[in-house]
Amino acid sequence: MKLYLFAVFFFINSYAFHIKPMPTYLFKYLQENIEFKKKLTLNEISWEKTSALKLIKNRYFNSEDLINQYDDYNYGEIFKIHGVPAALFVISEKKKKKYVDEIIYNKNLILMFDAGNIMRNSFNDNFDYIITKKSINKNIFKVI
């Protein structure tokens, strides 16, 4: 089972490297035919702080560059599932308050593990002082 799970992770991440979205039929096939745990636990997810935003975005996420300049005061919080980056929250500090400027997702990975709820809950528990009201892709954060 672990080898099979590793093969699925490799396949999902190889699509991110080739900047192609995973076909819907393939996503549905994997979701229906692979025995995943029903719920992720807090031991299977993690958050990591990073300052190499462009490197992480280009390596793990296939999104357009919505924020062209990542200033020195920006940093990121990476949401990981089993050690694989699933979301990147670009955070800036203005007037001694922290704001999420942009949220970048690996939607395939989040939907595959149905990790939207645990991502939102753990973000709110760990980073409740960070404001997300004006962030790019905040609507996806609320519904994914």
N, C-alpha and C. Protein backbone atom coordinates (compact mmCIF):
# COMPACT_ATOMS: atom_id res chain seq x y z
N MET A 1 0.83 -1.20 0.00
CA MET A 1 0.00 0.00 0.00
C MET A 1 0.86 1.25 0.00
N LYS A 2 1.97 1.25 0.80
CA LYS A 2 2.82 2.42 0.85
C LYS A 2 3.49 2.68 -0.48
N LEU A 3 3.91 1.62 -1.18
CA LEU A 3 4.53 1.78 -2.49
C LEU A 3 3.53 2.33 -3.48
N TYR A 4 2.29 1.84 -3.40
CA TYR A 4 1.24 2.31 -4.28
C TYR A 4 0.93 3.78 -4.02
N LEU A 5 0.90 4.16 -2.75
CA LEU A 5 0.65 5.55 -2.37
C LEU A 5 1.79 6.45 -2.85
N PHE A 6 3.02 5.96 -2.76
CA PHE A 6 4.17 6.71 -3.26
C PHE A 6 4.05 6.93 -4.77
N ALA A 7 3.60 5.92 -5.50
CA ALA A 7 3.44 6.05 -6.95
C ALA A 7 2.40 7.10 -7.29
N VAL A 8 1.33 7.17 -6.51
CA VAL A 8 0.29 8.18 -6.74
C VAL A 8 0.85 9.57 -6.48
N PHE A 9 1.60 9.75 -5.37
CA PHE A 9 2.23 11.04 -5.09
C PHE A 9 3.16 11.45 -6.22
N PHE A 10 3.96 10.51 -6.70
CA PHE A 10 4.89 10.81 -7.78
C PHE A 10 4.14 11.25 -9.03
N PHE A 11 3.04 10.56 -9.33
CA PHE A 11 2.26 10.89 -10.51
C PHE A 11 1.63 12.27 -10.39
N ILE A 12 1.08 12.59 -9.22
CA ILE A 12 0.45 13.90 -9.00
C ILE A 12 1.48 15.01 -9.13
N ASN A 13 2.64 14.82 -8.53
CA ASN A 13 3.66 15.86 -8.57
C ASN A 13 4.31 15.99 -9.93
N SER A 14 4.35 14.91 -10.71
CA SER A 14 4.93 15.02 -12.05
C SER A 14 4.08 15.92 -12.92
N TYR A 15 2.77 15.94 -12.69
CA TYR A 15 1.92 16.86 -13.44
C TYR A 15 2.23 18.31 -13.08
N ALA A 16 2.53 18.57 -11.81
CA ALA A 16 2.86 19.94 -11.41
C ALA A 16 4.16 20.40 -12.07
N PHE A 17 5.11 19.49 -12.26
CA PHE A 17 6.37 19.87 -12.88
C PHE A 17 6.21 20.16 -14.36
N HIS A 18 5.25 19.52 -15.02
CA HIS A 18 5.05 19.71 -16.44
C HIS A 18 4.06 20.82 -16.75
N ILE A 19 3.56 21.49 -15.74
CA ILE A 19 2.64 22.62 -15.87
C ILE A 19 1.41 22.22 -16.69
N LYS A 20 0.84 21.06 -16.41
CA LYS A 20 -0.38 20.62 -17.06
C LYS A 20 -1.39 20.24 -15.97
N PRO A 21 -2.63 20.61 -16.15
CA PRO A 21 -3.61 20.16 -15.17
C PRO A 21 -3.90 18.67 -15.35
N MET A 22 -4.20 17.99 -14.27
CA MET A 22 -4.52 16.58 -14.36
C MET A 22 -5.89 16.43 -15.00
N PRO A 23 -6.03 15.53 -15.97
CA PRO A 23 -7.34 15.33 -16.59
C PRO A 23 -8.37 14.86 -15.57
N THR A 24 -9.60 15.30 -15.75
CA THR A 24 -10.66 15.01 -14.79
C THR A 24 -10.93 13.52 -14.69
N TYR A 25 -10.93 12.83 -15.83
CA TYR A 25 -11.22 11.40 -15.80
C TYR A 25 -10.13 10.64 -15.01
N LEU A 26 -8.89 11.08 -15.13
CA LEU A 26 -7.81 10.43 -14.40
C LEU A 26 -7.92 10.70 -12.90
N PHE A 27 -8.28 11.93 -12.56
CA PHE A 27 -8.48 12.28 -11.15
C PHE A 27 -9.59 11.44 -10.54
N LYS A 28 -10.71 11.31 -11.25
CA LYS A 28 -11.83 10.52 -10.73
C LYS A 28 -11.46 9.04 -10.61
N TYR A 29 -10.71 8.53 -11.58
CA TYR A 29 -10.28 7.13 -11.52
C TYR A 29 -9.41 6.88 -10.29
N LEU A 30 -8.44 7.75 -10.05
CA LEU A 30 -7.57 7.59 -8.89
C LEU A 30 -8.35 7.70 -7.59
N GLN A 31 -9.28 8.64 -7.54
CA GLN A 31 -10.04 8.84 -6.32
C GLN A 31 -10.95 7.65 -6.01
N GLU A 32 -11.51 7.03 -7.05
CA GLU A 32 -12.43 5.92 -6.83
C GLU A 32 -11.71 4.60 -6.59
N ASN A 33 -10.51 4.42 -7.14
CA ASN A 33 -9.87 3.11 -7.11
C ASN A 33 -8.71 2.99 -6.13
N ILE A 34 -8.39 4.03 -5.42
CA ILE A 34 -7.30 3.95 -4.45
C ILE A 34 -7.89 4.07 -3.07
N GLU A 35 -7.47 3.21 -2.20
CA GLU A 35 -8.00 3.20 -0.84
C GLU A 35 -7.21 4.19 0.02
N PHE A 36 -7.74 5.38 0.15
CA PHE A 36 -7.15 6.37 1.03
C PHE A 36 -7.89 6.32 2.36
N LYS A 37 -7.24 6.85 3.38
CA LYS A 37 -7.94 7.01 4.64
C LYS A 37 -9.07 8.00 4.41
N LYS A 38 -10.12 7.85 5.15
CA LYS A 38 -11.26 8.74 4.98
C LYS A 38 -10.96 10.17 5.43
N LYS A 39 -10.23 10.31 6.52
CA LYS A 39 -9.92 11.64 7.04
C LYS A 39 -8.42 11.75 7.30
N LEU A 40 -7.87 12.90 6.96
CA LEU A 40 -6.48 13.17 7.32
C LEU A 40 -6.43 13.54 8.80
N THR A 41 -5.33 13.21 9.43
CA THR A 41 -5.14 13.59 10.82
C THR A 41 -4.11 14.71 10.90
N LEU A 42 -3.99 15.31 12.06
CA LEU A 42 -3.02 16.39 12.24
C LEU A 42 -1.59 15.89 12.14
N ASN A 43 -1.36 14.58 12.32
CA ASN A 43 -0.02 14.03 12.17
C ASN A 43 0.41 13.92 10.70
N GLU A 44 -0.54 13.93 9.80
CA GLU A 44 -0.26 13.77 8.37
C GLU A 44 -0.12 15.09 7.63
N ILE A 45 -0.39 16.19 8.30
CA ILE A 45 -0.23 17.51 7.68
C ILE A 45 0.79 18.31 8.46
N SER A 46 1.31 19.36 7.82
CA SER A 46 2.25 20.23 8.52
C SER A 46 2.26 21.60 7.85
N TRP A 47 2.78 22.56 8.56
CA TRP A 47 2.98 23.92 8.07
C TRP A 47 4.47 24.23 8.14
N GLU A 48 4.97 24.91 7.13
CA GLU A 48 6.39 25.27 7.11
C GLU A 48 6.53 26.70 6.62
N LYS A 49 7.35 27.46 7.31
CA LYS A 49 7.61 28.85 6.93
C LYS A 49 8.76 28.87 5.92
N THR A 50 8.64 29.70 4.89
CA THR A 50 9.68 29.79 3.87
C THR A 50 9.84 31.23 3.41
N SER A 51 11.04 31.55 2.96
CA SER A 51 11.28 32.86 2.37
C SER A 51 11.61 32.73 0.88
N ALA A 52 11.74 31.51 0.38
CA ALA A 52 12.05 31.27 -1.04
C ALA A 52 10.74 31.08 -1.81
N LEU A 53 9.97 32.16 -1.91
CA LEU A 53 8.64 32.06 -2.50
C LEU A 53 8.66 31.69 -3.97
N LYS A 54 9.50 32.35 -4.75
CA LYS A 54 9.52 32.07 -6.19
C LYS A 54 9.98 30.65 -6.47
N LEU A 55 10.97 30.19 -5.74
CA LEU A 55 11.48 28.84 -5.93
C LEU A 55 10.40 27.80 -5.62
N ILE A 56 9.71 27.96 -4.51
CA ILE A 56 8.65 27.02 -4.13
C ILE A 56 7.51 27.09 -5.13
N LYS A 57 7.11 28.29 -5.53
CA LYS A 57 5.99 28.44 -6.47
C LYS A 57 6.32 27.80 -7.80
N ASN A 58 7.52 28.03 -8.31
CA ASN A 58 7.88 27.48 -9.61
C ASN A 58 8.07 25.97 -9.56
N ARG A 59 8.49 25.44 -8.43
CA ARG A 59 8.78 24.02 -8.34
C ARG A 59 7.54 23.17 -8.10
N TYR A 60 6.62 23.65 -7.27
CA TYR A 60 5.51 22.81 -6.85
C TYR A 60 4.13 23.24 -7.35
N PHE A 61 3.98 24.46 -7.82
CA PHE A 61 2.66 24.94 -8.19
C PHE A 61 2.68 25.45 -9.63
N ASN A 62 1.61 25.17 -10.36
CA ASN A 62 1.53 25.59 -11.75
C ASN A 62 0.55 26.75 -11.91
N SER A 63 0.83 27.83 -11.21
CA SER A 63 -0.06 29.00 -11.25
C SER A 63 0.63 30.14 -11.97
N GLU A 64 -0.20 31.07 -12.41
CA GLU A 64 0.34 32.28 -13.03
C GLU A 64 0.94 33.15 -11.93
N ASP A 65 1.86 34.00 -12.33
CA ASP A 65 2.52 34.88 -11.37
C ASP A 65 1.63 36.10 -11.16
N LEU A 66 0.72 36.02 -10.20
CA LEU A 66 -0.21 37.11 -9.96
C LEU A 66 0.46 38.27 -9.24
N ILE A 67 1.35 37.94 -8.32
CA ILE A 67 2.14 38.97 -7.66
C ILE A 67 3.51 38.96 -8.32
N ASN A 68 3.85 40.02 -9.02
CA ASN A 68 5.09 40.02 -9.80
C ASN A 68 6.33 40.17 -8.95
N GLN A 69 6.24 40.93 -7.89
CA GLN A 69 7.41 41.15 -7.04
C GLN A 69 7.15 40.61 -5.65
N TYR A 70 8.04 39.76 -5.21
CA TYR A 70 7.99 39.27 -3.85
C TYR A 70 9.02 40.08 -3.07
N ASP A 71 8.55 41.07 -2.32
CA ASP A 71 9.44 41.97 -1.59
C ASP A 71 10.12 41.26 -0.44
N ASP A 72 11.05 41.95 0.18
CA ASP A 72 11.81 41.37 1.29
C ASP A 72 10.93 41.06 2.49
N TYR A 73 9.87 41.83 2.70
CA TYR A 73 9.04 41.60 3.87
C TYR A 73 8.05 40.46 3.68
N ASN A 74 7.96 39.92 2.46
CA ASN A 74 7.06 38.80 2.22
C ASN A 74 7.71 37.48 2.60
N TYR A 75 6.91 36.60 3.12
CA TYR A 75 7.34 35.24 3.37
C TYR A 75 6.14 34.34 3.09
N GLY A 76 6.31 33.07 3.19
CA GLY A 76 5.23 32.16 2.88
C GLY A 76 5.06 31.09 3.94
N GLU A 77 3.86 30.62 4.06
CA GLU A 77 3.53 29.46 4.88
C GLU A 77 3.05 28.38 3.93
N ILE A 78 3.71 27.23 3.98
CA ILE A 78 3.39 26.12 3.09
C ILE A 78 2.58 25.09 3.87
N PHE A 79 1.44 24.71 3.31
CA PHE A 79 0.62 23.64 3.86
C PHE A 79 1.03 22.36 3.15
N LYS A 80 1.45 21.35 3.94
CA LYS A 80 1.94 20.09 3.37
C LYS A 80 1.07 18.92 3.80
N ILE A 81 0.86 18.01 2.84
CA ILE A 81 0.17 16.76 3.12
C ILE A 81 1.19 15.65 2.92
N HIS A 82 1.49 14.92 3.96
CA HIS A 82 2.52 13.87 3.92
C HIS A 82 3.85 14.42 3.40
N GLY A 83 4.16 15.66 3.70
CA GLY A 83 5.42 16.27 3.29
C GLY A 83 5.41 16.86 1.90
N VAL A 84 4.31 16.78 1.17
CA VAL A 84 4.20 17.32 -0.18
C VAL A 84 3.45 18.65 -0.12
N PRO A 85 4.01 19.75 -0.65
CA PRO A 85 3.32 21.05 -0.60
C PRO A 85 1.99 21.03 -1.34
N ALA A 86 0.94 21.45 -0.66
CA ALA A 86 -0.39 21.49 -1.25
C ALA A 86 -0.90 22.92 -1.42
N ALA A 87 -0.42 23.85 -0.60
CA ALA A 87 -0.84 25.25 -0.71
C ALA A 87 0.28 26.15 -0.20
N LEU A 88 0.37 27.32 -0.81
CA LEU A 88 1.36 28.32 -0.41
C LEU A 88 0.61 29.62 -0.11
N PHE A 89 0.78 30.12 1.09
CA PHE A 89 0.16 31.37 1.51
C PHE A 89 1.25 32.44 1.52
N VAL A 90 1.14 33.43 0.62
CA VAL A 90 2.12 34.52 0.54
C VAL A 90 1.68 35.59 1.53
N ILE A 91 2.53 35.88 2.50
CA ILE A 91 2.16 36.76 3.62
C ILE A 91 3.06 37.99 3.63
N SER A 92 2.46 39.14 3.85
CA SER A 92 3.22 40.38 3.97
C SER A 92 2.83 41.08 5.27
N GLU A 93 3.70 41.99 5.70
CA GLU A 93 3.45 42.73 6.93
C GLU A 93 3.36 44.21 6.59
N LYS A 94 2.23 44.81 6.95
CA LYS A 94 2.01 46.22 6.72
C LYS A 94 1.42 46.84 7.98
N LYS A 95 2.04 47.88 8.46
CA LYS A 95 1.59 48.58 9.66
C LYS A 95 1.43 47.63 10.84
N LYS A 96 2.41 46.78 11.02
CA LYS A 96 2.49 45.82 12.13
C LYS A 96 1.34 44.81 12.14
N LYS A 97 0.69 44.62 11.00
CA LYS A 97 -0.33 43.59 10.84
C LYS A 97 0.09 42.69 9.68
N LYS A 98 -0.27 41.44 9.76
CA LYS A 98 0.10 40.48 8.71
C LYS A 98 -1.11 40.17 7.86
N TYR A 99 -0.88 40.16 6.53
CA TYR A 99 -1.93 39.94 5.56
C TYR A 99 -1.51 38.81 4.60
N VAL A 100 -2.48 38.03 4.17
CA VAL A 100 -2.23 37.05 3.12
C VAL A 100 -2.47 37.76 1.79
N ASP A 101 -1.41 37.90 0.98
CA ASP A 101 -1.55 38.57 -0.31
C ASP A 101 -2.12 37.64 -1.37
N GLU A 102 -1.68 36.38 -1.35
CA GLU A 102 -2.09 35.43 -2.37
C GLU A 102 -2.05 34.03 -1.79
N ILE A 103 -2.98 33.20 -2.24
CA ILE A 103 -2.99 31.80 -1.85
C ILE A 103 -2.86 30.99 -3.14
N ILE A 104 -1.84 30.15 -3.20
CA ILE A 104 -1.57 29.34 -4.38
C ILE A 104 -1.81 27.88 -3.99
N TYR A 105 -2.54 27.14 -4.84
CA TYR A 105 -2.97 25.80 -4.50
C TYR A 105 -2.45 24.75 -5.47
N ASN A 106 -2.33 23.53 -4.97
CA ASN A 106 -2.27 22.33 -5.80
C ASN A 106 -3.63 21.67 -5.61
N LYS A 107 -4.60 22.08 -6.42
CA LYS A 107 -5.98 21.66 -6.21
C LYS A 107 -6.14 20.15 -6.31
N ASN A 108 -5.38 19.52 -7.21
CA ASN A 108 -5.49 18.08 -7.36
C ASN A 108 -5.16 17.36 -6.06
N LEU A 109 -4.10 17.76 -5.42
CA LEU A 109 -3.67 17.11 -4.19
C LEU A 109 -4.66 17.36 -3.05
N ILE A 110 -5.16 18.58 -2.95
CA ILE A 110 -6.12 18.91 -1.88
C ILE A 110 -7.42 18.15 -2.08
N LEU A 111 -7.90 18.07 -3.32
CA LEU A 111 -9.14 17.34 -3.58
C LEU A 111 -8.96 15.84 -3.45
N MET A 112 -7.79 15.33 -3.81
CA MET A 112 -7.53 13.89 -3.72
C MET A 112 -7.65 13.40 -2.27
N PHE A 113 -7.14 14.19 -1.33
CA PHE A 113 -7.17 13.80 0.07
C PHE A 113 -8.32 14.46 0.83
N ASP A 114 -9.15 15.22 0.13
CA ASP A 114 -10.25 15.94 0.76
C ASP A 114 -9.73 16.73 1.96
N ALA A 115 -8.69 17.53 1.71
CA ALA A 115 -7.97 18.21 2.77
C ALA A 115 -8.39 19.67 2.96
N GLY A 116 -9.44 20.10 2.32
CA GLY A 116 -9.86 21.49 2.43
C GLY A 116 -10.24 21.89 3.85
N ASN A 117 -11.04 21.05 4.51
CA ASN A 117 -11.48 21.38 5.87
C ASN A 117 -10.32 21.41 6.85
N ILE A 118 -9.47 20.42 6.79
CA ILE A 118 -8.36 20.39 7.75
C ILE A 118 -7.36 21.51 7.47
N MET A 119 -7.23 21.92 6.19
CA MET A 119 -6.35 23.05 5.87
C MET A 119 -6.91 24.34 6.46
N ARG A 120 -8.20 24.59 6.27
CA ARG A 120 -8.82 25.80 6.82
C ARG A 120 -8.76 25.81 8.35
N ASN A 121 -9.10 24.69 8.96
CA ASN A 121 -9.11 24.64 10.42
C ASN A 121 -7.72 24.82 11.01
N SER A 122 -6.73 24.16 10.43
CA SER A 122 -5.37 24.30 10.97
C SER A 122 -4.81 25.69 10.70
N PHE A 123 -5.16 26.30 9.56
CA PHE A 123 -4.72 27.67 9.30
C PHE A 123 -5.32 28.62 10.33
N ASN A 124 -6.62 28.47 10.57
CA ASN A 124 -7.28 29.35 11.55
C ASN A 124 -6.77 29.12 12.97
N ASP A 125 -6.42 27.89 13.30
CA ASP A 125 -5.89 27.60 14.63
C ASP A 125 -4.48 28.15 14.81
N ASN A 126 -3.64 27.99 13.80
CA ASN A 126 -2.23 28.39 13.92
C ASN A 126 -1.98 29.85 13.59
N PHE A 127 -2.76 30.41 12.68
CA PHE A 127 -2.48 31.76 12.17
C PHE A 127 -3.71 32.65 12.24
N ASP A 128 -4.40 32.65 13.34
CA ASP A 128 -5.63 33.44 13.45
C ASP A 128 -5.36 34.95 13.44
N TYR A 129 -4.12 35.35 13.64
CA TYR A 129 -3.77 36.77 13.63
C TYR A 129 -3.47 37.29 12.22
N ILE A 130 -3.46 36.43 11.23
CA ILE A 130 -3.18 36.84 9.85
C ILE A 130 -4.50 37.11 9.14
N ILE A 131 -4.60 38.25 8.48
CA ILE A 131 -5.83 38.69 7.84
C ILE A 131 -5.89 38.17 6.41
N THR A 132 -7.01 37.54 6.02
CA THR A 132 -7.16 36.96 4.68
C THR A 132 -8.26 37.65 3.86
N LYS A 133 -8.79 38.75 4.33
CA LYS A 133 -9.95 39.36 3.67
C LYS A 133 -9.68 39.83 2.25
N LYS A 134 -8.49 40.35 1.96
CA LYS A 134 -8.21 40.91 0.64
C LYS A 134 -7.24 40.08 -0.17
N SER A 135 -7.09 38.82 0.17
CA SER A 135 -6.11 37.99 -0.53
C SER A 135 -6.67 37.48 -1.86
N ILE A 136 -5.74 37.24 -2.77
CA ILE A 136 -6.10 36.65 -4.07
C ILE A 136 -6.39 35.17 -3.83
N ASN A 137 -7.44 34.67 -4.44
CA ASN A 137 -7.93 33.28 -4.31
C ASN A 137 -8.53 32.98 -2.94
N LYS A 138 -9.01 33.98 -2.22
CA LYS A 138 -9.61 33.74 -0.91
C LYS A 138 -10.93 32.99 -1.05
N ASN A 139 -11.63 33.15 -2.17
CA ASN A 139 -12.89 32.44 -2.35
C ASN A 139 -12.67 30.94 -2.49
N ILE A 140 -11.57 30.56 -3.15
CA ILE A 140 -11.26 29.15 -3.27
C ILE A 140 -10.90 28.58 -1.90
N PHE A 141 -10.22 29.36 -1.10
CA PHE A 141 -9.84 28.93 0.26
C PHE A 141 -11.08 28.59 1.09
N LYS A 142 -12.15 29.33 0.88
CA LYS A 142 -13.36 29.11 1.67
C LYS A 142 -14.15 27.88 1.23
N VAL A 143 -14.03 27.48 -0.05
CA VAL A 143 -14.89 26.41 -0.55
C VAL A 143 -14.17 25.12 -0.93
N ILE A 144 -12.86 25.15 -1.05
CA ILE A 144 -12.16 23.94 -1.52
C ILE A 144 -12.21 22.83 -0.49
